[in-house]
PDB file of N, CA and C in Angstrom:
ATOM      1  N   UNK A   1     -55.187   9.790  40.082  1.00  0.00           N
ATOM      2  CA  UNK A   1     -54.513   9.925  41.439  1.00  0.00           C
ATOM      3  C   UNK A   1     -55.260  11.026  42.283  1.00  0.00           C
ATOM      4  N   UNK A   2     -55.833  12.092  41.434  1.00  0.00           N
ATOM      5  CA  UNK A   2     -56.578  13.257  42.175  1.00  0.00           C
ATOM      6  C   UNK A   2     -57.756  12.751  42.649  1.00  0.00           C
ATOM      7  N   UNK A   3     -58.491  11.670  42.038  1.00  0.00           N
ATOM      8  CA  UNK A   3     -59.741  11.156  42.481  1.00  0.00           C
ATOM      9  C   UNK A   3     -59.613  10.325  43.731  1.00  0.00           C
ATOM     10  N   UNK A   4     -58.540   9.566  43.797  1.00  0.00           N
ATOM     11  CA  UNK A   4     -58.171   8.842  44.930  1.00  0.00           C
ATOM     12  C   UNK A   4     -57.760   9.774  46.081  1.00  0.00           C
ATOM     13  N   UNK A   5     -57.215  10.857  45.893  1.00  0.00           N
ATOM     14  CA  UNK A   5     -56.712  11.930  47.012  1.00  0.00           C
ATOM     15  C   UNK A   5     -58.120  12.541  47.433  1.00  0.00           C
ATOM     16  N   UNK A   6     -58.838  12.795  46.733  1.00  0.00           N
ATOM     17  CA  UNK A   6     -60.212  13.552  47.063  1.00  0.00           C
ATOM     18  C   UNK A   6     -60.975  12.594  47.837  1.00  0.00           C
ATOM     19  N   UNK A   7     -61.079  11.191  47.483  1.00  0.00           N
ATOM     20  CA  UNK A   7     -61.934  10.154  48.154  1.00  0.00           C
ATOM     21  C   UNK A   7     -61.273   9.960  49.411  1.00  0.00           C
ATOM     22  N   UNK A   8     -59.871  10.028  49.582  1.00  0.00           N
ATOM     23  CA  UNK A   8     -59.290   9.823  51.083  1.00  0.00           C
ATOM     24  C   UNK A   8     -59.484  11.008  51.775  1.00  0.00           C
ATOM     25  N   UNK A   9     -59.499  12.231  51.115  1.00  0.00           N
ATOM     26  CA  UNK A   9     -60.083  13.429  52.003  1.00  0.00           C
ATOM     27  C   UNK A   9     -61.347  13.349  52.333  1.00  0.00           C
ATOM     28  N   UNK A  10     -62.196  12.884  51.535  1.00  0.00           N
ATOM     29  CA  UNK A  10     -63.605  12.708  52.068  1.00  0.00           C
ATOM     30  C   UNK A  10     -63.736  11.646  53.193  1.00  0.00           C
ATOM     31  N   UNK A  11     -63.129  10.589  52.941  1.00  0.00           N
ATOM     32  CA  UNK A  11     -63.211   9.604  53.982  1.00  0.00           C
ATOM     33  C   UNK A  11     -62.749  10.110  55.306  1.00  0.00           C
ATOM     34  N   UNK A  12     -61.590  10.681  55.335  1.00  0.00           N
ATOM     35  CA  UNK A  12     -61.076  11.201  56.557  1.00  0.00           C
ATOM     36  C   UNK A  12     -62.000  12.278  57.249  1.00  0.00           C
ATOM     37  N   UNK A  13     -62.566  13.177  56.295  1.00  0.00           N
ATOM     38  CA  UNK A  13     -63.366  14.191  56.746  1.00  0.00           C
ATOM     39  C   UNK A  13     -64.696  13.582  57.446  1.00  0.00           C
ATOM     40  N   UNK A  14     -65.268  12.471  56.681  1.00  0.00           N
ATOM     41  CA  UNK A  14     -66.500  11.993  57.263  1.00  0.00           C
ATOM     42  C   UNK A  14     -66.001  11.223  58.546  1.00  0.00           C
ATOM     43  N   UNK A  15     -64.911  10.594  58.623  1.00  0.00           N
ATOM     44  CA  UNK A  15     -64.568   9.779  59.887  1.00  0.00           C
ATOM     45  C   UNK A  15     -64.522  10.776  61.182  1.00  0.00           C
ATOM     46  N   UNK A  16     -63.901  11.966  60.824  1.00  0.00           N
ATOM     47  CA  UNK A  16     -63.876  12.939  61.779  1.00  0.00           C
ATOM     48  C   UNK A  16     -65.297  13.312  62.250  1.00  0.00           C
ATOM     49  N   UNK A  17     -66.095  13.625  61.372  1.00  0.00           N
ATOM     50  CA  UNK A  17     -67.414  13.932  61.634  1.00  0.00           C
ATOM     51  C   UNK A  17     -68.409  12.853  62.114  1.00  0.00           C
ATOM     52  N   UNK A  18     -68.096  11.787  61.839  1.00  0.00           N
ATOM     53  CA  UNK A  18     -68.965  10.497  62.047  1.00  0.00           C
ATOM     54  C   UNK A  18     -69.619  10.608  63.264  1.00  0.00           C
ATOM     55  N   UNK A  19     -69.103  10.916  64.517  1.00  0.00           N
ATOM     56  CA  UNK A  19     -69.823  10.983  65.650  1.00  0.00           C
ATOM     57  C   UNK A  19     -71.045  11.934  65.788  1.00  0.00           C
ATOM     58  N   UNK A  20     -70.760  12.973  65.216  1.00  0.00           N
ATOM     59  CA  UNK A  20     -71.856  14.036  65.353  1.00  0.00           C
ATOM     60  C   UNK A  20     -72.897  13.707  64.191  1.00  0.00           C
ATOM     61  N   UNK A  21     -72.641  12.952  63.195  1.00  0.00           N
ATOM     62  CA  UNK A  21     -73.417  12.522  62.328  1.00  0.00           C
ATOM     63  C   UNK A  21     -74.251  11.136  62.544  1.00  0.00           C
ATOM     64  N   UNK A  22     -73.690  10.558  63.658  1.00  0.00           N
ATOM     65  CA  UNK A  22     -74.346   9.370  63.967  1.00  0.00           C
ATOM     66  C   UNK A  22     -74.122   8.071  63.112  1.00  0.00           C
ATOM     67  N   UNK A  23     -73.021   8.116  62.152  1.00  0.00           N
ATOM     68  CA  UNK A  23     -72.958   6.978  61.343  1.00  0.00           C
ATOM     69  C   UNK A  23     -74.021   6.972  60.202  1.00  0.00           C
ATOM     70  N   UNK A  24     -74.891   8.097  60.064  1.00  0.00           N
ATOM     71  CA  UNK A  24     -75.876   7.986  59.240  1.00  0.00           C
ATOM     72  C   UNK A  24     -75.638   7.888  57.728  1.00  0.00           C
ATOM     73  N   UNK A  25     -74.328   8.178  57.398  1.00  0.00           N
ATOM     74  CA  UNK A  25     -73.899   8.189  56.085  1.00  0.00           C
ATOM     75  C   UNK A  25     -72.854   7.028  55.780  1.00  0.00           C
ATOM     76  N   UNK A  26     -72.796   6.036  56.567  1.00  0.00           N
ATOM     77  CA  UNK A  26     -72.048   4.890  56.450  1.00  0.00           C
ATOM     78  C   UNK A  26     -72.246   4.325  54.972  1.00  0.00           C
ATOM     79  N   UNK A  27     -73.507   4.213  54.781  1.00  0.00           N
ATOM     80  CA  UNK A  27     -73.900   3.579  53.451  1.00  0.00           C
ATOM     81  C   UNK A  27     -73.243   4.153  52.271  1.00  0.00           C
ATOM     82  N   UNK A  28     -73.133   5.360  52.351  1.00  0.00           N
ATOM     83  CA  UNK A  28     -72.473   6.157  51.365  1.00  0.00           C
ATOM     84  C   UNK A  28     -71.002   6.484  51.460  1.00  0.00           C
ATOM     85  N   UNK A  29     -70.624   6.743  52.672  1.00  0.00           N
ATOM     86  CA  UNK A  29     -69.143   7.202  52.780  1.00  0.00           C
ATOM     87  C   UNK A  29     -68.310   6.226  53.502  1.00  0.00           C
ATOM     88  N   UNK A  30     -68.857   5.004  53.826  1.00  0.00           N
ATOM     89  CA  UNK A  30     -68.173   3.991  54.617  1.00  0.00           C
ATOM     90  C   UNK A  30     -67.194   3.230  53.709  1.00  0.00           C
ATOM     91  N   UNK A  31     -67.002   1.952  54.045  1.00  0.00           N
ATOM     92  CA  UNK A  31     -66.159   1.206  53.218  1.00  0.00           C
ATOM     93  C   UNK A  31     -66.654   0.831  51.822  1.00  0.00           C
ATOM     94  N   UNK A  32     -65.928   1.017  50.772  1.00  0.00           N
ATOM     95  CA  UNK A  32     -66.262   0.710  49.492  1.00  0.00           C
ATOM     96  C   UNK A  32     -66.598   2.157  48.800  1.00  0.00           C
ATOM     97  N   UNK A  33     -66.278   3.185  49.500  1.00  0.00           N
ATOM     98  CA  UNK A  33     -66.542   4.534  48.840  1.00  0.00           C
ATOM     99  C   UNK A  33     -65.678   4.591  47.558  1.00  0.00           C
ATOM    100  N   UNK A  34     -66.521   4.913  46.519  1.00  0.00           N
ATOM    101  CA  UNK A  34     -65.958   5.158  45.003  1.00  0.00           C
ATOM    102  C   UNK A  34     -66.657   6.226  44.483  1.00  0.00           C
ATOM    103  N   UNK A  35     -66.204   6.787  43.352  1.00  0.00           N
ATOM    104  CA  UNK A  35     -66.912   7.594  42.563  1.00  0.00           C
ATOM    105  C   UNK A  35     -68.244   7.106  41.962  1.00  0.00           C
ATOM    106  N   UNK A  36     -68.230   5.781  41.709  1.00  0.00           N
ATOM    107  CA  UNK A  36     -69.552   5.218  41.272  1.00  0.00           C
ATOM    108  C   UNK A  36     -70.580   5.310  42.343  1.00  0.00           C
ATOM    109  N   UNK A  37     -70.192   5.176  43.568  1.00  0.00           N
ATOM    110  CA  UNK A  37     -71.263   5.291  44.611  1.00  0.00           C
ATOM    111  C   UNK A  37     -71.707   6.524  44.829  1.00  0.00           C
ATOM    112  N   UNK A  38     -70.967   7.656  44.361  1.00  0.00           N
ATOM    113  CA  UNK A  38     -71.561   9.086  44.535  1.00  0.00           C
ATOM    114  C   UNK A  38     -72.229   9.682  43.324  1.00  0.00           C
ATOM    115  N   UNK A  39     -72.120   8.840  42.290  1.00  0.00           N
ATOM    116  CA  UNK A  39     -72.883   9.344  40.982  1.00  0.00           C
ATOM    117  C   UNK A  39     -74.298   9.560  41.220  1.00  0.00           C
ATOM    118  N   UNK A  40     -75.116   8.505  41.707  1.00  0.00           N
ATOM    119  CA  UNK A  40     -76.535   8.742  41.977  1.00  0.00           C
ATOM    120  C   UNK A  40     -76.893   9.808  42.858  1.00  0.00           C
ATOM    121  N   UNK A  41     -76.200  10.046  43.786  1.00  0.00           N
ATOM    122  CA  UNK A  41     -76.381  11.223  44.851  1.00  0.00           C
ATOM    123  C   UNK A  41     -76.226  12.391  43.912  1.00  0.00           C
ATOM    124  N   UNK A  42     -75.182  12.797  43.289  1.00  0.00           N
ATOM    125  CA  UNK A  42     -74.955  13.799  42.396  1.00  0.00           C
ATOM    126  C   UNK A  42     -75.899  14.104  41.479  1.00  0.00           C
ATOM    127  N   UNK A  43     -76.514  12.990  40.859  1.00  0.00           N
ATOM    128  CA  UNK A  43     -77.515  12.983  39.765  1.00  0.00           C
ATOM    129  C   UNK A  43     -78.885  13.532  40.413  1.00  0.00           C
ATOM    130  N   UNK A  44     -79.219  12.820  41.564  1.00  0.00           N
ATOM    131  CA  UNK A  44     -80.348  13.198  42.182  1.00  0.00           C
ATOM    132  C   UNK A  44     -80.395  14.776  42.706  1.00  0.00           C
ATOM    133  N   UNK A  45     -79.271  15.190  43.348  1.00  0.00           N
ATOM    134  CA  UNK A  45     -79.139  16.483  43.612  1.00  0.00           C
ATOM    135  C   UNK A  45     -79.347  17.608  42.339  1.00  0.00           C
ATOM    136  N   UNK A  46     -78.654  17.153  41.211  1.00  0.00           N
ATOM    137  CA  UNK A  46     -78.876  17.945  40.002  1.00  0.00           C
ATOM    138  C   UNK A  46     -80.229  18.108  39.489  1.00  0.00           C
ATOM    139  N   UNK A  47     -80.794  16.904  39.488  1.00  0.00           N
ATOM    140  CA  UNK A  47     -82.260  16.793  38.888  1.00  0.00           C
ATOM    141  C   UNK A  47     -83.334  17.330  39.798  1.00  0.00           C
ATOM    142  N   UNK A  48     -83.284  17.378  41.018  1.00  0.00           N
ATOM    143  CA  UNK A  48     -84.537  17.743  41.880  1.00  0.00           C
ATOM    144  C   UNK A  48     -85.014  19.121  41.594  1.00  0.00           C
ATOM    145  N   UNK A  49     -84.274  20.067  41.413  1.00  0.00           N
ATOM    146  CA  UNK A  49     -84.831  21.447  41.140  1.00  0.00           C
ATOM    147  C   UNK A  49     -85.629  21.378  39.913  1.00  0.00           C
ATOM    148  N   UNK A  50     -85.046  20.894  38.781  1.00  0.00           N
ATOM    149  CA  UNK A  50     -85.992  20.912  37.586  1.00  0.00           C
ATOM    150  C   UNK A  50     -87.196  20.049  37.672  1.00  0.00           C
ATOM    151  N   UNK A  51     -87.226  18.893  38.308  1.00  0.00           N
ATOM    152  CA  UNK A  51     -88.250  17.912  38.511  1.00  0.00           C
ATOM    153  C   UNK A  51     -89.285  18.726  39.520  1.00  0.00           C
ATOM    154  N   UNK A  52     -88.883  19.344  40.604  1.00  0.00           N
ATOM    155  CA  UNK A  52     -89.620  20.091  41.386  1.00  0.00           C
ATOM    156  C   UNK A  52     -90.466  21.048  40.775  1.00  0.00           C
ATOM    157  N   UNK A  53     -89.676  21.871  39.942  1.00  0.00           N
ATOM    158  CA  UNK A  53     -90.326  23.009  39.245  1.00  0.00           C
ATOM    159  C   UNK A  53     -91.461  22.587  38.228  1.00  0.00           C
ATOM    160  N   UNK A  54     -91.191  21.456  37.630  1.00  0.00           N
ATOM    161  CA  UNK A  54     -91.981  20.821  36.795  1.00  0.00           C
ATOM    162  C   UNK A  54     -93.353  20.300  37.538  1.00  0.00           C
ATOM    163  N   UNK A  55     -93.013  19.649  38.653  1.00  0.00           N
ATOM    164  CA  UNK A  55     -94.400  19.398  39.272  1.00  0.00           C
ATOM    165  C   UNK A  55     -95.253  20.422  39.790  1.00  0.00           C
ATOM    166  N   UNK A  56     -94.420  21.395  40.157  1.00  0.00           N
ATOM    167  CA  UNK A  56     -95.203  22.759  40.732  1.00  0.00           C
ATOM    168  C   UNK A  56     -95.890  23.488  39.451  1.00  0.00           C
ATOM    169  N   UNK A  57     -95.306  23.428  38.356  1.00  0.00           N
ATOM    170  CA  UNK A  57     -95.992  23.912  37.190  1.00  0.00           C
ATOM    171  C   UNK A  57     -97.205  23.217  36.854  1.00  0.00           C
ATOM    172  N   UNK A  58     -97.270  21.918  37.292  1.00  0.00           N
ATOM    173  CA  UNK A  58     -98.352  21.097  36.840  1.00  0.00           C
ATOM    174  C   UNK A  58     -99.281  21.048  38.104  1.00  0.00           C
ATOM    175  N   UNK A  59     -99.235  21.937  39.002  1.00  0.00           N
ATOM    176  CA  UNK A  59    -100.143  22.076  40.178  1.00  0.00           C
ATOM    177  C   UNK A  59     -99.950  20.976  41.072  1.00  0.00           C
ATOM    178  N   UNK A  60     -98.873  20.260  41.199  1.00  0.00           N
ATOM    179  CA  UNK A  60     -98.855  19.100  42.071  1.00  0.00           C
ATOM    180  C   UNK A  60     -99.398  17.915  41.552  1.00  0.00           C
ATOM    181  N   UNK A  61     -99.931  17.843  40.474  1.00  0.00           N
ATOM    182  CA  UNK A  61    -100.694  16.640  39.868  1.00  0.00           C
ATOM    183  C   UNK A  61     -99.865  15.574  39.485  1.00  0.00           C
ATOM    184  N   UNK A  62     -99.526  14.572  40.428  1.00  0.00           N
ATOM    185  CA  UNK A  62     -98.696  13.425  39.920  1.00  0.00           C
ATOM    186  C   UNK A  62     -99.181  12.847  38.823  1.00  0.00           C
ATOM    187  N   UNK A  63    -100.235  12.403  38.465  1.00  0.00           N
ATOM    188  CA  UNK A  63    -100.569  11.802  37.252  1.00  0.00           C
ATOM    189  C   UNK A  63    -100.000  12.509  36.083  1.00  0.00           C
ATOM    190  N   UNK A  64    -100.238  13.585  35.998  1.00  0.00           N
ATOM    191  CA  UNK A  64     -99.770  14.501  34.904  1.00  0.00           C
ATOM    192  C   UNK A  64     -98.232  14.523  34.825  1.00  0.00           C
ATOM    193  N   UNK A  65     -97.587  14.605  36.038  1.00  0.00           N
ATOM    194  CA  UNK A  65     -96.278  14.607  36.289  1.00  0.00           C
ATOM    195  C   UNK A  65     -95.636  13.272  35.617  1.00  0.00           C
ATOM    196  N   UNK A  66     -96.192  12.211  36.069  1.00  0.00           N
ATOM    197  CA  UNK A  66     -95.784  10.959  35.598  1.00  0.00           C
ATOM    198  C   UNK A  66     -95.965  10.691  34.139  1.00  0.00           C
ATOM    199  N   UNK A  67     -97.078  11.263  33.483  1.00  0.00           N
ATOM    200  CA  UNK A  67     -97.198  11.136  32.005  1.00  0.00           C
ATOM    201  C   UNK A  67     -95.996  11.925  31.351  1.00  0.00           C
ATOM    202  N   UNK A  68     -95.653  13.046  32.007  1.00  0.00           N
ATOM    203  CA  UNK A  68     -94.680  13.942  31.246  1.00  0.00           C
ATOM    204  C   UNK A  68     -93.276  13.141  31.426  1.00  0.00           C
ATOM    205  N   UNK A  69     -92.994  12.572  32.563  1.00  0.00           N
ATOM    206  CA  UNK A  69     -91.737  11.699  32.911  1.00  0.00           C
ATOM    207  C   UNK A  69     -91.619  10.624  31.922  1.00  0.00           C
ATOM    208  N   UNK A  70     -92.656   9.944  31.502  1.00  0.00           N
ATOM    209  CA  UNK A  70     -92.723   8.832  30.583  1.00  0.00           C
ATOM    210  C   UNK A  70     -92.511   9.423  29.093  1.00  0.00           C
ATOM    211  N   UNK A  71     -93.001  10.566  28.929  1.00  0.00           N
ATOM    212  CA  UNK A  71     -92.741  11.156  27.590  1.00  0.00           C
ATOM    213  C   UNK A  71     -91.117  11.664  27.536  1.00  0.00           C
ATOM    214  N   UNK A  72     -90.891  12.309  28.488  1.00  0.00           N
ATOM    215  CA  UNK A  72     -89.410  12.800  28.546  1.00  0.00           C
ATOM    216  C   UNK A  72     -88.309  11.671  28.581  1.00  0.00           C
ATOM    217  N   UNK A  73     -88.794  10.331  28.908  1.00  0.00           N
ATOM    218  CA  UNK A  73     -87.955   9.359  29.005  1.00  0.00           C
ATOM    219  C   UNK A  73     -87.617   8.845  27.535  1.00  0.00           C
ATOM    220  N   UNK A  74     -88.512   9.177  26.651  1.00  0.00           N
ATOM    221  CA  UNK A  74     -88.185   8.901  25.249  1.00  0.00           C
ATOM    222  C   UNK A  74     -87.343   9.751  24.454  1.00  0.00           C
ATOM    223  N   UNK A  75     -86.989  10.949  25.125  1.00  0.00           N
ATOM    224  CA  UNK A  75     -86.191  11.855  24.276  1.00  0.00           C
ATOM    225  C   UNK A  75     -84.737  11.453  24.549  1.00  0.00           C
ATOM    226  N   UNK A  76     -83.825  11.882  23.652  1.00  0.00           N
ATOM    227  CA  UNK A  76     -82.402  11.525  23.844  1.00  0.00           C
ATOM    228  C   UNK A  76     -82.014  12.066  25.166  1.00  0.00           C
ATOM    229  N   UNK A  77     -80.900  11.379  25.609  1.00  0.00           N
ATOM    230  CA  UNK A  77     -80.354  11.581  26.958  1.00  0.00           C
ATOM    231  C   UNK A  77     -79.983  13.041  27.096  1.00  0.00           C
ATOM    232  N   UNK A  78     -79.250  13.494  26.206  1.00  0.00           N
ATOM    233  CA  UNK A  78     -78.854  14.904  26.518  1.00  0.00           C
ATOM    234  C   UNK A  78     -80.115  15.982  26.659  1.00  0.00           C
ATOM    235  N   UNK A  79     -81.150  15.754  25.974  1.00  0.00           N
ATOM    236  CA  UNK A  79     -82.393  16.528  25.988  1.00  0.00           C
ATOM    237  C   UNK A  79     -83.066  16.215  27.418  1.00  0.00           C
ATOM    238  N   UNK A  80     -83.090  15.070  27.831  1.00  0.00           N
ATOM    239  CA  UNK A  80     -83.738  14.602  29.122  1.00  0.00           C
ATOM    240  C   UNK A  80     -82.942  15.398  30.237  1.00  0.00           C
ATOM    241  N   UNK A  81     -81.550  15.309  30.091  1.00  0.00           N
ATOM    242  CA  UNK A  81     -80.641  15.824  31.252  1.00  0.00           C
ATOM    243  C   UNK A  81     -80.889  17.517  31.288  1.00  0.00           C
ATOM    244  N   UNK A  82     -81.003  18.107  30.092  1.00  0.00           N
ATOM    245  CA  UNK A  82     -81.320  19.453  30.003  1.00  0.00           C
ATOM    246  C   UNK A  82     -82.769  19.792  30.705  1.00  0.00           C
ATOM    247  N   UNK A  83     -83.691  18.994  30.479  1.00  0.00           N
ATOM    248  CA  UNK A  83     -84.846  19.270  30.926  1.00  0.00           C
ATOM    249  C   UNK A  83     -85.102  19.155  32.459  1.00  0.00           C
ATOM    250  N   UNK A  84     -84.349  18.359  32.876  1.00  0.00           N
ATOM    251  CA  UNK A  84     -84.408  17.884  34.487  1.00  0.00           C
ATOM    252  C   UNK A  84     -83.436  18.605  35.318  1.00  0.00           C
ATOM    253  N   UNK A  85     -82.429  19.195  34.693  1.00  0.00           N
ATOM    254  CA  UNK A  85     -81.375  19.969  35.579  1.00  0.00           C
ATOM    255  C   UNK A  85     -81.456  21.417  35.665  1.00  0.00           C
ATOM    256  N   UNK A  86     -82.413  21.996  34.718  1.00  0.00           N
ATOM    257  CA  UNK A  86     -82.558  23.271  34.658  1.00  0.00           C
ATOM    258  C   UNK A  86     -83.998  23.696  34.558  1.00  0.00           C
ATOM    259  N   UNK A  87     -84.648  24.069  35.782  1.00  0.00           N
ATOM    260  CA  UNK A  87     -85.951  24.529  35.831  1.00  0.00           C
ATOM    261  C   UNK A  87     -86.490  25.308  34.704  1.00  0.00           C
ATOM    262  N   UNK A  88     -85.759  26.282  34.273  1.00  0.00           N
ATOM    263  CA  UNK A  88     -85.984  27.311  33.173  1.00  0.00           C
ATOM    264  C   UNK A  88     -86.019  26.663  31.658  1.00  0.00           C
ATOM    265  N   UNK A  89     -85.326  25.425  31.749  1.00  0.00           N
ATOM    266  CA  UNK A  89     -85.454  24.770  30.260  1.00  0.00           C
ATOM    267  C   UNK A  89     -86.251  23.393  30.369  1.00  0.00           C
ATOM    268  N   UNK A  90     -87.119  23.391  31.209  1.00  0.00           N
ATOM    269  CA  UNK A  90     -88.057  22.175  31.352  1.00  0.00           C
ATOM    270  C   UNK A  90     -89.396  22.440  30.581  1.00  0.00           C
ATOM    271  N   UNK A  91     -89.275  22.401  29.372  1.00  0.00           N
ATOM    272  CA  UNK A  91     -90.577  22.634  28.464  1.00  0.00           C
ATOM    273  C   UNK A  91     -91.525  21.484  28.616  1.00  0.00           C
ATOM    274  N   UNK A  92     -92.813  21.547  28.482  1.00  0.00           N
ATOM    275  CA  UNK A  92     -93.756  20.508  28.537  1.00  0.00           C
ATOM    276  C   UNK A  92     -93.305  19.583  27.472  1.00  0.00           C
ATOM    277  N   UNK A  93     -93.099  18.193  27.752  1.00  0.00           N
ATOM    278  CA  UNK A  93     -92.950  17.266  26.805  1.00  0.00           C
ATOM    279  C   UNK A  93     -94.058  16.970  25.845  1.00  0.00           C
ATOM    280  N   UNK A  94     -93.943  16.570  24.589  1.00  0.00           N
ATOM    281  CA  UNK A  94     -94.891  16.357  23.862  1.00  0.00           C
ATOM    282  C   UNK A  94     -95.847  15.051  24.542  1.00  0.00           C
ATOM    283  N   UNK A  95     -97.192  15.176  24.153  1.00  0.00           N
ATOM    284  CA  UNK A  95     -97.822  14.055  24.662  1.00  0.00           C
ATOM    285  C   UNK A  95     -97.478  12.697  24.100  1.00  0.00           C
ATOM    286  N   UNK A  96     -97.751  11.621  24.985  1.00  0.00           N
ATOM    287  CA  UNK A  96     -97.261  10.372  24.412  1.00  0.00           C
ATOM    288  C   UNK A  96     -97.885   9.921  23.266  1.00  0.00           C
TER     289      UNK A  96
END
């Protein structure tokens, strides 16, 4: 019940602000709004700082970053999450 109330509040707030936002978030907050629709956005928001820190530590070198991402993908889910959600706990993954 609390989730549904929060979704209703979010829908109402978005509808009130929709004119100033130009409807730019209809894809996310329009019809069909559900917790499942919000998960990827929350995941992205949580992961960006750690991933950005890792890319910066690699001097912006995308090939090295992609190699590390592939190596990281082979770790257990909990370890992957810890590495990408906390810049300070993002050690260099082992080489492939």
